[in-house]
């Protein structure tokens, strides 16, 4: 891996860490927690398998 790629990856990780630290300090902390909790719940709901309702039309009678 070239030096340029290592520097780019390092800067990306460092900027992400600084952004996370900024979002989790002061009055932004509660807003950030609420936002992340809402998005996590939305993601759980989207990934949850949907129940299929069975109807009498699906039944096979012999």
C-alpha atoms as a PDB file:
ATOM      1  CA  UNK A   1       0.000   0.000   0.000  1.00  0.00           C
ATOM      2  CA  UNK A   2       1.436   3.340  -0.972  1.00  0.00           C
ATOM      3  CA  UNK A   3       2.125   6.143   1.456  1.00  0.00           C
ATOM      4  CA  UNK A   4      -0.570   8.314  -0.113  1.00  0.00           C
ATOM      5  CA  UNK A   5      -3.237   5.677   0.520  1.00  0.00           C
ATOM      6  CA  UNK A   6      -2.097   5.256   4.125  1.00  0.00           C
ATOM      7  CA  UNK A   7      -2.285   9.017   4.700  1.00  0.00           C
ATOM      8  CA  UNK A   8      -5.746   9.213   3.102  1.00  0.00           C
ATOM      9  CA  UNK A   9      -7.058   6.357   5.265  1.00  0.00           C
ATOM     10  CA  UNK A  10      -5.530   7.896   8.389  1.00  0.00           C
ATOM     11  CA  UNK A  11      -7.095  11.287   7.657  1.00  0.00           C
ATOM     12  CA  UNK A  12     -10.478   9.645   7.069  1.00  0.00           C
ATOM     13  CA  UNK A  13     -10.363   7.784  10.368  1.00  0.00           C
ATOM     14  CA  UNK A  14      -9.138  10.842  12.259  1.00  0.00           C
ATOM     15  CA  UNK A  15     -11.841  13.091  10.798  1.00  0.00           C
ATOM     16  CA  UNK A  16     -14.509  10.511  11.666  1.00  0.00           C
ATOM     17  CA  UNK A  17     -13.258  10.361  15.238  1.00  0.00           C
ATOM     18  CA  UNK A  18     -13.273  14.151  15.520  1.00  0.00           C
ATOM     19  CA  UNK A  19     -16.809  14.340  14.141  1.00  0.00           C
ATOM     20  CA  UNK A  20     -18.024  11.699  16.598  1.00  0.00           C
ATOM     21  CA  UNK A  21     -16.349  13.513  19.501  1.00  0.00           C
ATOM     22  CA  UNK A  22     -17.921  16.819  18.453  1.00  0.00           C
ATOM     23  CA  UNK A  23     -21.389  15.272  18.085  1.00  0.00           C
ATOM     24  CA  UNK A  24     -21.215  13.626  21.510  1.00  0.00           C
ATOM     25  CA  UNK A  25     -20.243  16.708  23.511  1.00  0.00           C
ATOM     26  CA  UNK A  26     -22.335  19.494  24.953  1.00  0.00           C
ATOM     27  CA  UNK A  27     -25.976  20.002  24.022  1.00  0.00           C
ATOM     28  CA  UNK A  28     -25.584  17.960  20.828  1.00  0.00           C
ATOM     29  CA  UNK A  29     -25.183  14.764  22.847  1.00  0.00           C
ATOM     30  CA  UNK A  30     -28.891  14.226  23.547  1.00  0.00           C
ATOM     31  CA  UNK A  31     -29.917  15.131  20.000  1.00  0.00           C
ATOM     32  CA  UNK A  32     -27.324  12.758  18.557  1.00  0.00           C
ATOM     33  CA  UNK A  33     -28.383   9.912  20.833  1.00  0.00           C
ATOM     34  CA  UNK A  34     -32.046  10.405  19.930  1.00  0.00           C
ATOM     35  CA  UNK A  35     -31.238  10.517  16.212  1.00  0.00           C
ATOM     36  CA  UNK A  36     -29.127   7.345  16.344  1.00  0.00           C
ATOM     37  CA  UNK A  37     -31.726   5.501  18.413  1.00  0.00           C
ATOM     38  CA  UNK A  38     -34.470   6.425  15.931  1.00  0.00           C
ATOM     39  CA  UNK A  39     -32.397   5.331  12.944  1.00  0.00           C
ATOM     40  CA  UNK A  40     -31.459   2.049  14.652  1.00  0.00           C
ATOM     41  CA  UNK A  41     -35.125   1.334  15.349  1.00  0.00           C
ATOM     42  CA  UNK A  42     -36.020   2.119  11.735  1.00  0.00           C
ATOM     43  CA  UNK A  43     -33.293  -0.240  10.543  1.00  0.00           C
ATOM     44  CA  UNK A  44     -34.475  -3.028  12.852  1.00  0.00           C
ATOM     45  CA  UNK A  45     -38.017  -2.574  11.588  1.00  0.00           C
ATOM     46  CA  UNK A  46     -36.845  -2.694   7.955  1.00  0.00           C
ATOM     47  CA  UNK A  47     -34.787  -5.863   8.480  1.00  0.00           C
ATOM     48  CA  UNK A  48     -37.467  -7.684  10.455  1.00  0.00           C
ATOM     49  CA  UNK A  49     -39.146 -10.343   8.298  1.00  0.00           C
ATOM     50  CA  UNK A  50     -42.691  -9.478   7.445  1.00  0.00           C
ATOM     51  CA  UNK A  51     -45.378 -11.931   8.452  1.00  0.00           C
ATOM     52  CA  UNK A  52     -47.501 -13.137   5.623  1.00  0.00           C
ATOM     53  CA  UNK A  53     -51.157 -13.369   6.346  1.00  0.00           C
ATOM     54  CA  UNK A  54     -52.614 -16.678   5.301  1.00  0.00           C
ATOM     55  CA  UNK A  55     -56.043 -16.687   3.801  1.00  0.00           C
ATOM     56  CA  UNK A  56     -58.500 -19.434   3.078  1.00  0.00           C
ATOM     57  CA  UNK A  57     -57.604 -19.144  -0.589  1.00  0.00           C
ATOM     58  CA  UNK A  58     -54.175 -20.626   0.187  1.00  0.00           C
ATOM     59  CA  UNK A  59     -55.679 -23.747   1.788  1.00  0.00           C
ATOM     60  CA  UNK A  60     -55.922 -26.896  -0.287  1.00  0.00           C
ATOM     61  CA  UNK A  61     -58.857 -29.135   0.503  1.00  0.00           C
ATOM     62  CA  UNK A  62     -58.865 -32.794  -0.424  1.00  0.00           C
END
